[in-house]
Amino acid sequence: MDNHKIKFEKGIIYLCIHKKLNECVGADRVMEKRIFFTLLGRQYHLPKSVHAMILKEMEQLNMIEDLGTTKNYNIKILPLLTDPEENINKFYKQLGFF
């Protein structure tokens, strides 16, 4: 493996979902889980059986914070880490395209 290749900490699809979530939230950065799951199903066509796993993985990647049942089943969308569309060359390079 070349020294210039760096392993991704976060998957590209997660970065894309995270960017879309940031576009959908207001100033309070809170979203209902129902809306989050609808976005996964309708926009990304991901099966319902994996929605909970995606929620948990995004929480472990520090992209969202699960506010649990005490906050009406909401999640908090954490600030955008990196924009995959603005840094496209960096991702291509890390994946070894050039």
Protein backbone atom coordinates (compact mmCIF):
# COMPACT_ATOMS: atom_id res chain seq x y z
CA MET A 1 0.00 0.00 0.00
CA ASP A 2 1.37 3.42 -0.97
CA ASN A 3 2.20 5.91 1.76
CA HIS A 4 -0.02 8.60 0.17
CA LYS A 5 -3.13 6.44 0.54
CA ILE A 6 -4.98 7.02 3.77
CA LYS A 7 -7.71 4.76 5.06
CA PHE A 8 -11.11 6.42 5.20
CA GLU A 9 -12.43 7.03 8.69
CA LYS A 10 -15.93 7.47 7.30
CA GLY A 11 -17.52 5.93 4.23
CA ILE A 12 -18.33 8.16 1.28
CA ILE A 13 -22.00 7.21 1.36
CA TYR A 14 -22.15 8.27 5.01
CA LEU A 15 -20.59 11.62 4.10
CA CYS A 16 -23.22 12.10 1.38
CA ILE A 17 -26.07 11.22 3.75
CA HIS A 18 -24.60 13.51 6.40
CA LYS A 19 -24.39 16.39 3.92
CA LYS A 20 -28.05 15.89 2.94
CA LEU A 21 -29.07 15.80 6.60
CA ASN A 22 -27.26 19.09 7.21
CA GLU A 23 -29.20 20.64 4.34
CA CYS A 24 -32.51 19.48 5.86
CA VAL A 25 -32.10 20.73 9.43
CA GLY A 26 -32.78 24.14 10.89
CA ALA A 27 -30.79 26.18 13.36
CA ASP A 28 -31.52 23.78 16.24
CA ARG A 29 -29.99 20.91 14.17
CA VAL A 30 -32.64 18.47 15.46
CA MET A 31 -34.55 16.04 13.24
CA GLU A 32 -37.16 13.42 13.99
CA LYS A 33 -35.97 9.85 13.50
CA ARG A 34 -39.06 9.28 11.35
CA ILE A 35 -37.84 11.91 8.86
CA PHE A 36 -34.31 10.43 8.95
CA PHE A 37 -35.64 6.95 8.13
CA THR A 38 -37.88 8.35 5.38
CA LEU A 39 -34.84 10.04 3.81
CA LEU A 40 -32.88 6.78 3.89
CA GLY A 41 -35.72 4.88 2.23
CA ARG A 42 -36.97 7.37 -0.33
CA GLN A 43 -33.78 9.16 -1.34
CA TYR A 44 -31.15 6.45 -0.92
CA HIS A 45 -33.47 3.42 -1.42
CA LEU A 46 -32.03 1.59 1.55
CA PRO A 47 -34.16 -1.23 3.00
CA LYS A 48 -35.89 -0.69 6.35
CA SER A 49 -34.00 -3.61 7.83
CA VAL A 50 -30.73 -1.63 7.80
CA HIS A 51 -32.04 1.79 8.94
CA ALA A 52 -31.31 1.16 12.63
CA MET A 53 -27.80 -0.05 11.80
CA ILE A 54 -27.12 3.07 9.74
CA LEU A 55 -28.37 5.25 12.59
CA LYS A 56 -26.06 3.47 15.04
CA GLU A 57 -23.04 3.60 12.72
CA MET A 58 -23.54 7.30 12.02
CA GLU A 59 -23.75 7.87 15.76
CA GLN A 60 -20.48 5.96 16.28
CA LEU A 61 -18.87 8.05 13.51
CA ASN A 62 -19.86 11.25 15.37
CA MET A 63 -22.13 12.44 12.57
CA ILE A 64 -25.33 12.40 14.60
CA GLU A 65 -26.36 12.24 18.24
CA ASP A 66 -29.29 10.06 19.23
CA LEU A 67 -31.40 12.05 21.69
CA GLY A 68 -33.35 8.91 22.60
CA THR A 69 -36.90 8.56 23.79
CA THR A 70 -36.74 11.44 26.26
CA LYS A 71 -36.60 13.93 23.40
CA ASN A 72 -39.49 12.55 21.32
CA TYR A 73 -37.35 10.18 19.27
CA ASN A 74 -35.18 12.92 17.79
CA ILE A 75 -31.61 12.97 16.58
CA LYS A 76 -29.22 15.89 16.50
CA ILE A 77 -27.28 16.34 13.28
CA LEU A 78 -23.71 17.30 14.12
CA PRO A 79 -21.90 19.88 11.94
CA LEU A 80 -20.63 18.83 8.53
CA LEU A 81 -17.16 17.28 8.76
CA THR A 82 -16.20 17.48 5.12
CA ASP A 83 -18.13 18.05 1.91
CA PRO A 84 -17.57 15.03 -0.36
CA GLU A 85 -18.40 17.06 -3.47
CA GLU A 86 -15.93 19.86 -2.70
CA ASN A 87 -13.10 17.44 -1.87
CA ILE A 88 -13.69 14.99 -4.71
CA ASN A 89 -10.07 14.96 -5.87
CA LYS A 90 -8.89 14.09 -2.35
CA PHE A 91 -11.24 11.10 -2.24
CA TYR A 92 -10.21 9.90 -5.70
CA LYS A 93 -6.58 10.14 -4.67
CA GLN A 94 -7.20 8.24 -1.41
CA LEU A 95 -8.98 5.48 -3.32
CA GLY A 96 -6.10 5.19 -5.79
CA PHE A 97 -7.86 6.45 -8.93
CA PHE A 98 -4.87 8.72 -9.65
